[in-house]
Amino acid sequence: MNKVELVDAIAKESKLTKKEAEAALKAFIAITTSKLVKGDKIQLVGFGTFEVSKRPARQGRNPKTGEVMKIKACKAPKFKPGKALKDAVNKK
Protein backbone atom coordinates (compact mmCIF):
# COMPACT_ATOMS: atom_id res chain seq x y z
CA MET A 1 0.00 0.00 0.00
CA ASN A 2 1.39 3.39 -0.94
CA LYS A 3 0.45 6.85 0.38
CA VAL A 4 -2.33 7.45 -2.18
CA GLU A 5 -3.93 4.09 -1.38
CA LEU A 6 -3.63 4.79 2.36
CA VAL A 7 -5.30 8.20 1.95
CA ASP A 8 -8.12 6.55 -0.03
CA ALA A 9 -8.57 3.90 2.68
CA ILE A 10 -8.60 6.51 5.47
CA ALA A 11 -11.14 8.61 3.58
CA LYS A 12 -13.39 5.61 3.00
CA GLU A 13 -13.14 4.26 6.58
CA SER A 14 -13.60 7.64 8.30
CA LYS A 15 -16.06 9.15 5.80
CA LEU A 16 -13.74 12.13 5.29
CA THR A 17 -12.94 13.66 1.94
CA LYS A 18 -9.66 12.60 0.37
CA LYS A 19 -8.32 16.10 0.99
CA GLU A 20 -9.19 15.91 4.71
CA ALA A 21 -7.77 12.39 4.98
CA GLU A 22 -4.52 13.50 3.35
CA ALA A 23 -4.31 16.48 5.72
CA ALA A 24 -4.83 14.18 8.72
CA LEU A 25 -2.14 11.78 7.50
CA LYS A 26 0.30 14.63 6.86
CA ALA A 27 -0.40 16.01 10.35
CA PHE A 28 0.21 12.58 11.92
CA ILE A 29 3.52 12.21 10.06
CA ALA A 30 4.64 15.75 10.96
CA ILE A 31 3.77 15.39 14.64
CA THR A 32 5.36 11.94 14.90
CA THR A 33 8.53 13.19 13.21
CA SER A 34 8.83 16.29 15.41
CA LYS A 35 8.28 14.32 18.62
CA LEU A 36 10.87 11.67 17.63
CA VAL A 37 13.38 14.40 16.73
CA LYS A 38 12.95 15.77 20.28
CA GLY A 39 13.53 12.26 21.69
CA ASP A 40 9.94 11.75 22.85
CA LYS A 41 8.08 8.53 22.30
CA ILE A 42 4.54 8.10 21.04
CA GLN A 43 2.52 5.29 22.56
CA LEU A 44 -0.75 4.26 20.93
CA VAL A 45 -2.28 1.67 23.25
CA GLY A 46 -3.24 -1.46 21.36
CA PHE A 47 -1.33 -0.39 18.23
CA GLY A 48 2.27 0.20 19.23
CA THR A 49 5.01 2.60 20.24
CA PHE A 50 7.19 4.85 18.11
CA GLU A 51 10.51 5.72 19.75
CA VAL A 52 14.14 6.55 19.00
CA SER A 53 16.92 4.07 19.69
CA LYS A 54 20.58 5.01 19.93
CA ARG A 55 23.05 2.94 17.94
CA PRO A 56 26.65 3.06 19.18
CA ALA A 57 29.65 3.58 16.92
CA ARG A 58 31.02 0.30 15.61
CA GLN A 59 33.30 -1.26 13.04
CA GLY A 60 31.95 -2.73 9.84
CA ARG A 61 33.24 -3.98 6.54
CA ASN A 62 32.79 -2.60 3.06
CA PRO A 63 31.05 -5.53 1.31
CA LYS A 64 32.71 -4.67 -2.00
CA THR A 65 36.32 -4.45 -0.85
CA GLY A 66 36.27 -6.17 2.57
CA GLU A 67 37.97 -3.08 3.99
CA VAL A 68 37.33 -2.35 7.69
CA MET A 69 35.53 0.94 8.23
CA LYS A 70 34.14 2.92 11.15
CA ILE A 71 30.37 3.35 11.34
CA LYS A 72 29.37 6.47 13.28
CA ALA A 73 26.95 6.42 16.20
CA CYS A 74 23.42 7.45 15.23
CA LYS A 75 19.81 7.55 16.31
CA ALA A 76 17.20 5.47 14.51
CA PRO A 77 13.39 5.56 14.69
CA LYS A 78 11.88 2.33 15.93
CA PHE A 79 8.35 0.91 16.04
CA LYS A 80 7.37 -1.71 18.60
CA PRO A 81 3.95 -3.26 17.87
CA GLY A 82 1.43 -3.56 20.70
CA LYS A 83 -0.20 -6.79 21.83
CA ALA A 84 -3.53 -6.10 20.10
CA LEU A 85 -1.77 -5.49 16.76
CA LYS A 86 0.35 -8.63 17.14
CA ASP A 87 -2.74 -10.67 18.00
CA ALA A 88 -4.66 -9.27 15.00
CA VAL A 89 -1.83 -10.09 12.61
CA ASN A 90 -1.42 -13.61 13.99
CA LYS A 91 -5.13 -14.39 14.21
CA LYS A 92 -6.09 -17.45 12.17
PDB file of N, CA and C in Angstrom:
ATOM      1  N   MET A   1       0.849  -1.174   0.000  1.00  0.00           N
ATOM      2  CA  MET A   1       0.000   0.000   0.000  1.00  0.00           C
ATOM      3  C   MET A   1       0.889   1.229   0.000  1.00  0.00           C
ATOM      4  N   ASN A   2       0.625   2.140  -0.909  1.00  0.00           N
ATOM      5  CA  ASN A   2       1.387   3.389  -0.938  1.00  0.00           C
ATOM      6  C   ASN A   2       0.563   4.512  -0.290  1.00  0.00           C
ATOM      7  N   LYS A   3       1.102   5.727  -0.295  1.00  0.00           N
ATOM      8  CA  LYS A   3       0.450   6.847   0.381  1.00  0.00           C
ATOM      9  C   LYS A   3      -0.924   7.160  -0.211  1.00  0.00           C
ATOM     10  N   VAL A   4      -1.048   7.144  -1.537  1.00  0.00           N
ATOM     11  CA  VAL A   4      -2.328   7.445  -2.182  1.00  0.00           C
ATOM     12  C   VAL A   4      -3.385   6.412  -1.775  1.00  0.00           C
ATOM     13  N   GLU A   5      -2.998   5.154  -1.778  1.00  0.00           N
ATOM     14  CA  GLU A   5      -3.932   4.094  -1.379  1.00  0.00           C
ATOM     15  C   GLU A   5      -4.309   4.218   0.091  1.00  0.00           C
ATOM     16  N   LEU A   6      -3.348   4.601   0.937  1.00  0.00           N
ATOM     17  CA  LEU A   6      -3.632   4.791   2.360  1.00  0.00           C
ATOM     18  C   LEU A   6      -4.599   5.951   2.565  1.00  0.00           C
ATOM     19  N   VAL A   7      -4.382   7.052   1.862  1.00  0.00           N
ATOM     20  CA  VAL A   7      -5.300   8.199   1.953  1.00  0.00           C
ATOM     21  C   VAL A   7      -6.700   7.781   1.519  1.00  0.00           C
ATOM     22  N   ASP A   8      -6.817   7.034   0.432  1.00  0.00           N
ATOM     23  CA  ASP A   8      -8.120   6.546  -0.025  1.00  0.00           C
ATOM     24  C   ASP A   8      -8.795   5.678   1.042  1.00  0.00           C
ATOM     25  N   ALA A   9      -8.027   4.788   1.654  1.00  0.00           N
ATOM     26  CA  ALA A   9      -8.574   3.903   2.682  1.00  0.00           C
ATOM     27  C   ALA A   9      -9.019   4.687   3.915  1.00  0.00           C
ATOM     28  N   ILE A  10      -8.224   5.670   4.316  1.00  0.00           N
ATOM     29  CA  ILE A  10      -8.596   6.508   5.465  1.00  0.00           C
ATOM     30  C   ILE A  10      -9.877   7.272   5.160  1.00  0.00           C
ATOM     31  N   ALA A  11      -9.950   7.842   3.969  1.00  0.00           N
ATOM     32  CA  ALA A  11     -11.141   8.609   3.577  1.00  0.00           C
ATOM     33  C   ALA A  11     -12.380   7.723   3.596  1.00  0.00           C
ATOM     34  N   LYS A  12     -12.251   6.528   3.060  1.00  0.00           N
ATOM     35  CA  LYS A  12     -13.394   5.614   3.001  1.00  0.00           C
ATOM     36  C   LYS A  12     -13.824   5.154   4.399  1.00  0.00           C
ATOM     37  N   GLU A  13     -12.848   4.783   5.224  1.00  0.00           N
ATOM     38  CA  GLU A  13     -13.136   4.264   6.578  1.00  0.00           C
ATOM     39  C   GLU A  13     -13.710   5.345   7.495  1.00  0.00           C
ATOM     40  N   SER A  14     -13.194   6.577   7.382  1.00  0.00           N
ATOM     41  CA  SER A  14     -13.596   7.644   8.298  1.00  0.00           C
ATOM     42  C   SER A  14     -14.671   8.565   7.734  1.00  0.00           C
ATOM     43  N   LYS A  15     -15.051   8.325   6.481  1.00  0.00           N
ATOM     44  CA  LYS A  15     -16.056   9.151   5.803  1.00  0.00           C
ATOM     45  C   LYS A  15     -15.613  10.612   5.704  1.00  0.00           C
ATOM     46  N   LEU A  16     -14.289  10.804   5.546  1.00  0.00           N
ATOM     47  CA  LEU A  16     -13.736  12.130   5.290  1.00  0.00           C
ATOM     48  C   LEU A  16     -13.513  12.267   3.787  1.00  0.00           C
ATOM     49  N   THR A  17     -13.320  13.481   3.343  1.00  0.00           N
ATOM     50  CA  THR A  17     -12.943  13.656   1.944  1.00  0.00           C
ATOM     51  C   THR A  17     -11.477  13.230   1.815  1.00  0.00           C
ATOM     52  N   LYS A  18     -11.054  12.982   0.585  1.00  0.00           N
ATOM     53  CA  LYS A  18      -9.657  12.601   0.374  1.00  0.00           C
ATOM     54  C   LYS A  18      -8.714  13.721   0.812  1.00  0.00           C
ATOM     55  N   LYS A  19      -9.133  14.952   0.601  1.00  0.00           N
ATOM     56  CA  LYS A  19      -8.318  16.102   0.987  1.00  0.00           C
ATOM     57  C   LYS A  19      -8.156  16.156   2.512  1.00  0.00           C
ATOM     58  N   GLU A  20      -9.241  15.913   3.239  1.00  0.00           N
ATOM     59  CA  GLU A  20      -9.192  15.906   4.709  1.00  0.00           C
ATOM     60  C   GLU A  20      -8.362  14.727   5.216  1.00  0.00           C
ATOM     61  N   ALA A  21      -8.524  13.575   4.583  1.00  0.00           N
ATOM     62  CA  ALA A  21      -7.769  12.387   4.982  1.00  0.00           C
ATOM     63  C   ALA A  21      -6.277  12.601   4.754  1.00  0.00           C
ATOM     64  N   GLU A  22      -5.924  13.222   3.626  1.00  0.00           N
ATOM     65  CA  GLU A  22      -4.515  13.496   3.349  1.00  0.00           C
ATOM     66  C   GLU A  22      -3.956  14.496   4.356  1.00  0.00           C
ATOM     67  N   ALA A  23      -4.741  15.503   4.720  1.00  0.00           N
ATOM     68  CA  ALA A  23      -4.306  16.484   5.721  1.00  0.00           C
ATOM     69  C   ALA A  23      -4.087  15.809   7.077  1.00  0.00           C
ATOM     70  N   ALA A  24      -4.971  14.894   7.446  1.00  0.00           N
ATOM     71  CA  ALA A  24      -4.832  14.178   8.715  1.00  0.00           C
ATOM     72  C   ALA A  24      -3.575  13.306   8.711  1.00  0.00           C
ATOM     73  N   LEU A  25      -3.333  12.625   7.601  1.00  0.00           N
ATOM     74  CA  LEU A  25      -2.144  11.779   7.497  1.00  0.00           C
ATOM     75  C   LEU A  25      -0.874  12.629   7.552  1.00  0.00           C
ATOM     76  N   LYS A  26      -0.856  13.747   6.838  1.00  0.00           N
ATOM     77  CA  LYS A  26       0.301  14.632   6.859  1.00  0.00           C
ATOM     78  C   LYS A  26       0.539  15.172   8.270  1.00  0.00           C
ATOM     79  N   ALA A  27      -0.527  15.515   8.984  1.00  0.00           N
ATOM     80  CA  ALA A  27      -0.403  16.011  10.355  1.00  0.00           C
ATOM     81  C   ALA A  27       0.173  14.929  11.265  1.00  0.00           C
ATOM     82  N   PHE A  28      -0.302  13.690  11.114  1.00  0.00           N
ATOM     83  CA  PHE A  28       0.213  12.575  11.925  1.00  0.00           C
ATOM     84  C   PHE A  28       1.705  12.385  11.674  1.00  0.00           C
ATOM     85  N   ILE A  29       2.106  12.395  10.406  1.00  0.00           N
ATOM     86  CA  ILE A  29       3.516  12.207  10.062  1.00  0.00           C
ATOM     87  C   ILE A  29       4.366  13.348  10.618  1.00  0.00           C
ATOM     88  N   ALA A  30       3.891  14.589  10.480  1.00  0.00           N
ATOM     89  CA  ALA A  30       4.641  15.750  10.956  1.00  0.00           C
ATOM     90  C   ALA A  30       4.793  15.735  12.474  1.00  0.00           C
ATOM     91  N   ILE A  31       3.730  15.428  13.175  1.00  0.00           N
ATOM     92  CA  ILE A  31       3.772  15.391  14.640  1.00  0.00           C
ATOM     93  C   ILE A  31       4.668  14.260  15.121  1.00  0.00           C
ATOM     94  N   THR A  32       4.530  13.084  14.516  1.00  0.00           N
ATOM     95  CA  THR A  32       5.356  11.939  14.895  1.00  0.00           C
ATOM     96  C   THR A  32       6.828  12.259  14.667  1.00  0.00           C
ATOM     97  N   THR A  33       7.146  12.833  13.527  1.00  0.00           N
ATOM     98  CA  THR A  33       8.527  13.188  13.209  1.00  0.00           C
ATOM     99  C   THR A  33       9.080  14.192  14.211  1.00  0.00           C
ATOM    100  N   SER A  34       8.324  15.254  14.496  1.00  0.00           N
ATOM    101  CA  SER A  34       8.826  16.292  15.408  1.00  0.00           C
ATOM    102  C   SER A  34       9.021  15.746  16.824  1.00  0.00           C
ATOM    103  N   LYS A  35       8.141  14.895  17.273  1.00  0.00           N
ATOM    104  CA  LYS A  35       8.283  14.320  18.615  1.00  0.00           C
ATOM    105  C   LYS A  35       9.488  13.387  18.689  1.00  0.00           C
ATOM    106  N   LEU A  36       9.717  12.579  17.636  1.00  0.00           N
ATOM    107  CA  LEU A  36      10.868  11.675  17.633  1.00  0.00           C
ATOM    108  C   LEU A  36      12.173  12.451  17.547  1.00  0.00           C
ATOM    109  N   VAL A  37      12.190  13.551  16.805  1.00  0.00           N
ATOM    110  CA  VAL A  37      13.382  14.405  16.728  1.00  0.00           C
ATOM    111  C   VAL A  37      13.737  14.932  18.113  1.00  0.00           C
ATOM    112  N   LYS A  38      12.728  15.269  18.914  1.00  0.00           N
ATOM    113  CA  LYS A  38      12.951  15.768  20.275  1.00  0.00           C
ATOM    114  C   LYS A  38      13.335  14.655  21.249  1.00  0.00           C
ATOM    115  N   GLY A  39      13.198  13.389  20.823  1.00  0.00           N
ATOM    116  CA  GLY A  39      13.533  12.264  21.694  1.00  0.00           C
ATOM    117  C   GLY A  39      12.340  11.709  22.459  1.00  0.00           C
ATOM    118  N   ASP A  40      11.156  12.245  22.194  1.00  0.00           N
ATOM    119  CA  ASP A  40       9.943  11.746  22.852  1.00  0.00           C
ATOM    120  C   ASP A  40       9.525  10.428  22.220  1.00  0.00           C
ATOM    121  N   LYS A  41       8.653   9.718  22.916  1.00  0.00           N
ATOM    122  CA  LYS A  41       8.083   8.528  22.296  1.00  0.00           C
ATOM    123  C   LYS A  41       6.574   8.696  22.220  1.00  0.00           C
ATOM    124  N   ILE A  42       5.986   8.031  21.254  1.00  0.00           N
ATOM    125  CA  ILE A  42       4.543   8.103  21.040  1.00  0.00           C
ATOM    126  C   ILE A  42       3.981   6.714  21.244  1.00  0.00           C
ATOM    127  N   GLN A  43       3.101   6.592  22.227  1.00  0.00           N
ATOM    128  CA  GLN A  43       2.525   5.290  22.556  1.00  0.00           C
ATOM    129  C   GLN A  43       1.039   5.302  22.224  1.00  0.00           C
ATOM    130  N   LEU A  44       0.650   4.425  21.303  1.00  0.00           N
ATOM    131  CA  LEU A  44      -0.754   4.261  20.932  1.00  0.00           C
ATOM    132  C   LEU A  44      -1.193   2.896  21.457  1.00  0.00           C
ATOM    133  N   VAL A  45      -1.898   2.907  22.582  1.00  0.00           N
ATOM    134  CA  VAL A  45      -2.277   1.672  23.255  1.00  0.00           C
ATOM    135  C   VAL A  45      -3.040   0.767  22.293  1.00  0.00           C
ATOM    136  N   GLY A  46      -2.608  -0.481  22.225  1.00  0.00           N
ATOM    137  CA  GLY A  46      -3.235  -1.460  21.358  1.00  0.00           C
ATOM    138  C   GLY A  46      -2.633  -1.500  19.962  1.00  0.00           C
ATOM    139  N   PHE A  47      -1.950  -0.431  19.559  1.00  0.00           N
ATOM    140  CA  PHE A  47      -1.334  -0.392  18.229  1.00  0.00           C
ATOM    141  C   PHE A  47       0.173  -0.566  18.324  1.00  0.00           C
ATOM    142  N   GLY A  48       0.831   0.316  19.083  1.00  0.00           N
ATOM    143  CA  GLY A  48       2.271   0.199  19.235  1.00  0.00           C
ATOM    144  C   GLY A  48       2.907   1.490  19.693  1.00  0.00           C
ATOM    145  N   THR A  49       4.242   1.461  19.741  1.00  0.00           N
ATOM    146  CA  THR A  49       5.008   2.597  20.236  1.00  0.00           C
ATOM    147  C   THR A  49       6.073   2.995  19.219  1.00  0.00           C
ATOM    148  N   PHE A  50       6.130   4.287  18.928  1.00  0.00           N
ATOM    149  CA  PHE A  50       7.189   4.850  18.105  1.00  0.00           C
ATOM    150  C   PHE A  50       8.195   5.469  19.063  1.00  0.00           C
ATOM    151  N   GLU A  51       9.487   5.141  18.903  1.00  0.00           N
ATOM    152  CA  GLU A  51      10.512   5.725  19.747  1.00  0.00           C
ATOM    153  C   GLU A  51      11.832   5.780  18.993  1.00  0.00           C
ATOM    154  N   VAL A  52      12.825   6.425  19.608  1.00  0.00           N
ATOM    155  CA  VAL A  52      14.143   6.552  19.001  1.00  0.00           C
ATOM    156  C   VAL A  52      15.108   5.665  19.773  1.00  0.00           C
ATOM    157  N   SER A  53      15.888   4.869  19.038  1.00  0.00           N
ATOM    158  CA  SER A  53      16.920   4.067  19.690  1.00  0.00           C
ATOM    159  C   SER A  53      18.279   4.617  19.285  1.00  0.00           C
ATOM    160  N   LYS A  54      19.231   4.526  20.192  1.00  0.00           N
ATOM    161  CA  LYS A  54      20.580   5.007  19.925  1.00  0.00           C
ATOM    162  C   LYS A  54      21.444   3.823  19.519  1.00  0.00           C
ATOM    163  N   ARG A  55      22.131   3.971  18.403  1.00  0.00           N
ATOM    164  CA  ARG A  55      23.050   2.939  17.936  1.00  0.00           C
ATOM    165  C   ARG A  55      24.476   3.425  18.188  1.00  0.00           C
ATOM    166  N   PRO A  56      25.276   2.634  18.894  1.00  0.00           N
ATOM    167  CA  PRO A  56      26.647   3.062  19.182  1.00  0.00           C
ATOM    168  C   PRO A  56      27.535   2.980  17.938  1.00  0.00           C
ATOM    169  N   ALA A  57      28.663   3.668  17.997  1.00  0.00           N
ATOM    170  CA  ALA A  57      29.648   3.577  16.917  1.00  0.00           C
ATOM    171  C   ALA A  57      30.189   2.141  16.906  1.00  0.00           C
ATOM    172  N   ARG A  58      30.524   1.671  15.707  1.00  0.00           N
ATOM    173  CA  ARG A  58      31.024   0.299  15.606  1.00  0.00           C
ATOM    174  C   ARG A  58      31.877   0.159  14.353  1.00  0.00           C
ATOM    175  N   GLN A  59      32.514  -0.984  14.239  1.00  0.00           N
ATOM    176  CA  GLN A  59      33.298  -1.261  13.045  1.00  0.00           C
ATOM    177  C   GLN A  59      32.490  -2.153  12.119  1.00  0.00           C
ATOM    178  N   GLY A  60      32.624  -1.907  10.839  1.00  0.00           N
ATOM    179  CA  GLY A  60      31.953  -2.727   9.844  1.00  0.00           C
ATOM    180  C   GLY A  60      32.911  -2.999   8.703  1.00  0.00           C
ATOM    181  N   ARG A  61      32.417  -3.694   7.709  1.00  0.00           N
ATOM    182  CA  ARG A  61      33.240  -3.980   6.539  1.00  0.00           C
ATOM    183  C   ARG A  61      32.532  -3.515   5.283  1.00  0.00           C
ATOM    184  N   ASN A  62      33.312  -2.954   4.367  1.00  0.00           N
ATOM    185  CA  ASN A  62      32.789  -2.600   3.060  1.00  0.00           C
ATOM    186  C   ASN A  62      32.566  -3.919   2.317  1.00  0.00           C
ATOM    187  N   PRO A  63      31.318  -4.239   1.933  1.00  0.00           N
ATOM    188  CA  PRO A  63      31.054  -5.535   1.308  1.00  0.00           C
ATOM    189  C   PRO A  63      31.754  -5.708  -0.043  1.00  0.00           C
ATOM    190  N   LYS A  64      32.070  -4.602  -0.689  1.00  0.00           N
ATOM    191  CA  LYS A  64      32.712  -4.672  -1.997  1.00  0.00           C
ATOM    192  C   LYS A  64      34.203  -5.005  -1.885  1.00  0.00           C
ATOM    193  N   THR A  65      34.865  -4.308  -0.944  1.00  0.00           N
ATOM    194  CA  THR A  65      36.318  -4.446  -0.845  1.00  0.00           C
ATOM    195  C   THR A  65      36.768  -5.279   0.363  1.00  0.00           C
ATOM    196  N   GLY A  66      35.896  -5.462   1.351  1.00  0.00           N
ATOM    197  CA  GLY A  66      36.271  -6.172   2.566  1.00  0.00           C
ATOM    198  C   GLY A  66      37.040  -5.284   3.529  1.00  0.00           C
ATOM    199  N   GLU A  67      37.227  -4.022   3.167  1.00  0.00           N
ATOM    200  CA  GLU A  67      37.969  -3.076   3.987  1.00  0.00           C
ATOM    201  C   GLU A  67      37.210  -2.746   5.269  1.00  0.00           C
ATOM    202  N   VAL A  68      37.936  -2.713   6.403  1.00  0.00           N
ATOM    203  CA  VAL A  68      37.332  -2.352   7.692  1.00  0.00           C
ATOM    204  C   VAL A  68      37.065  -0.860   7.690  1.00  0.00           C
ATOM    205  N   MET A  69      35.885  -0.478   8.180  1.00  0.00           N
ATOM    206  CA  MET A  69      35.532   0.940   8.233  1.00  0.00           C
ATOM    207  C   MET A  69      34.793   1.242   9.525  1.00  0.00           C
ATOM    208  N   LYS A  70      34.842   2.503   9.937  1.00  0.00           N
ATOM    209  CA  LYS A  70      34.137   2.923  11.146  1.00  0.00           C
ATOM    210  C   LYS A  70      32.731   3.375  10.759  1.00  0.00           C
ATOM    211  N   ILE A  71      31.758   2.914  11.522  1.00  0.00           N
ATOM    212  CA  ILE A  71      30.372   3.352  11.342  1.00  0.00           C
ATOM    213  C   ILE A  71      30.054   4.257  12.520  1.00  0.00           C
ATOM    214  N   LYS A  72      29.635   5.476  12.226  1.00  0.00           N
ATOM    215  CA  LYS A  72      29.368   6.466  13.275  1.00  0.00           C
ATOM    216  C   LYS A  72      28.148   6.081  14.111  1.00  0.00           C
ATOM    217  N   ALA A  73      28.117   6.571  15.346  1.00  0.00           N
ATOM    218  CA  ALA A  73      26.948   6.418  16.205  1.00  0.00           C
ATOM    219  C   ALA A  73      25.797   7.209  15.593  1.00  0.00           C
ATOM    220  N   CYS A  74      24.579   6.733  15.767  1.00  0.00           N
ATOM    221  CA  CYS A  74      23.420   7.449  15.228  1.00  0.00           C
ATOM    222  C   CYS A  74      22.174   7.108  16.027  1.00  0.00           C
ATOM    223  N   LYS A  75      21.125   7.826  15.738  1.00  0.00           N
ATOM    224  CA  LYS A  75      19.813   7.554  16.314  1.00  0.00           C
ATOM    225  C   LYS A  75      18.939   7.002  15.201  1.00  0.00           C
ATOM    226  N   ALA A  76      18.064   6.060  15.522  1.00  0.00           N
ATOM    227  CA  ALA A  76      17.196   5.471  14.505  1.00  0.00           C
ATOM    228  C   ALA A  76      15.771   5.368  15.050  1.00  0.00           C
ATOM    229  N   PRO A  77      14.774   5.739  14.241  1.00  0.00           N
ATOM    230  CA  PRO A  77      13.391   5.558  14.685  1.00  0.00           C
ATOM    231  C   PRO A  77      13.064   4.077  14.754  1.00  0.00           C
ATOM    232  N   LYS A  78      12.212   3.727  15.703  1.00  0.00           N
ATOM    233  CA  LYS A  78      11.878   2.328  15.930  1.00  0.00           C
ATOM    234  C   LYS A  78      10.377   2.224  16.224  1.00  0.00           C
ATOM    235  N   PHE A  79       9.759   1.168  15.741  1.00  0.00           N
ATOM    236  CA  PHE A  79       8.355   0.907  16.045  1.00  0.00           C
ATOM    237  C   PHE A  79       8.257  -0.441  16.727  1.00  0.00           C
ATOM    238  N   LYS A  80       7.588  -0.460  17.867  1.00  0.00           N
ATOM    239  CA  LYS A  80       7.368  -1.708  18.598  1.00  0.00           C
ATOM    240  C   LYS A  80       5.862  -1.954  18.607  1.00  0.00           C
ATOM    241  N   PRO A  81       5.393  -3.006  17.928  1.00  0.00           N
ATOM    242  CA  PRO A  81       3.950  -3.255  17.868  1.00  0.00           C
ATOM    243  C   PRO A  81       3.381  -3.625  19.235  1.00  0.00           C
ATOM    244  N   GLY A  82       2.126  -3.229  19.462  1.00  0.00           N
ATOM    245  CA  GLY A  82       1.432  -3.558  20.695  1.00  0.00           C
ATOM    246  C   GLY A  82       0.804  -4.943  20.616  1.00  0.00           C
ATOM    247  N   LYS A  83       0.359  -5.439  21.746  1.00  0.00           N
ATOM    248  CA  LYS A  83      -0.203  -6.787  21.829  1.00  0.00           C
ATOM    249  C   LYS A  83      -1.426  -6.955  20.923  1.00  0.00           C
ATOM    250  N   ALA A  84      -2.313  -5.985  20.917  1.00  0.00           N
ATOM    251  CA  ALA A  84      -3.532  -6.100  20.104  1.00  0.00           C
ATOM    252  C   ALA A  84      -3.186  -6.196  18.614  1.00  0.00           C
ATOM    253  N   LEU A  85      -2.195  -5.429  18.166  1.00  0.00           N
ATOM    254  CA  LEU A  85      -1.773  -5.490  16.759  1.00  0.00           C
ATOM    255  C   LEU A  85      -1.138  -6.837  16.453  1.00  0.00           C
ATOM    256  N   LYS A  86      -0.276  -7.322  17.340  1.00  0.00           N
ATOM    257  CA  LYS A  86       0.349  -8.635  17.141  1.00  0.00           C
ATOM    258  C   LYS A  86      -0.702  -9.727  17.079  1.00  0.00           C
ATOM    259  N   ASP A  87      -1.679  -9.663  17.981  1.00  0.00           N
ATOM    260  CA  ASP A  87      -2.745 -10.671  17.998  1.00  0.00           C
ATOM    261  C   ASP A  87      -3.574 -10.619  16.718  1.00  0.00           C
ATOM    262  N   ALA A  88      -3.871  -9.412  16.233  1.00  0.00           N
ATOM    263  CA  ALA A  88      -4.663  -9.272  15.002  1.00  0.00           C
ATOM    264  C   ALA A  88      -3.924  -9.842  13.793  1.00  0.00           C
ATOM    265  N   VAL A  89      -2.630  -9.604  13.731  1.00  0.00           N
ATOM    266  CA  VAL A  89      -1.831 -10.093  12.612  1.00  0.00           C
ATOM    267  C   VAL A  89      -1.704 -11.616  12.648  1.00  0.00           C
ATOM    268  N   ASN A  90      -1.613 -12.171  13.860  1.00  0.00           N
ATOM    269  CA  ASN A  90      -1.419 -13.614  13.993  1.00  0.00           C
ATOM    270  C   ASN A  90      -2.702 -14.405  14.136  1.00  0.00           C
ATOM    271  N   LYS A  91      -3.834 -13.721  14.079  1.00  0.00           N
ATOM    272  CA  LYS A  91      -5.130 -14.394  14.213  1.00  0.00           C
ATOM    273  C   LYS A  91      -5.372 -15.310  13.007  1.00  0.00           C
ATOM    274  N   LYS A  92      -5.859 -16.495  13.267  1.00  0.00           N
ATOM    275  CA  LYS A  92      -6.093 -17.454  12.173  1.00  0.00           C
ATOM    276  C   LYS A  92      -7.550 -17.647  11.905  1.00  0.00           C
TER     277      LYS A  92
END
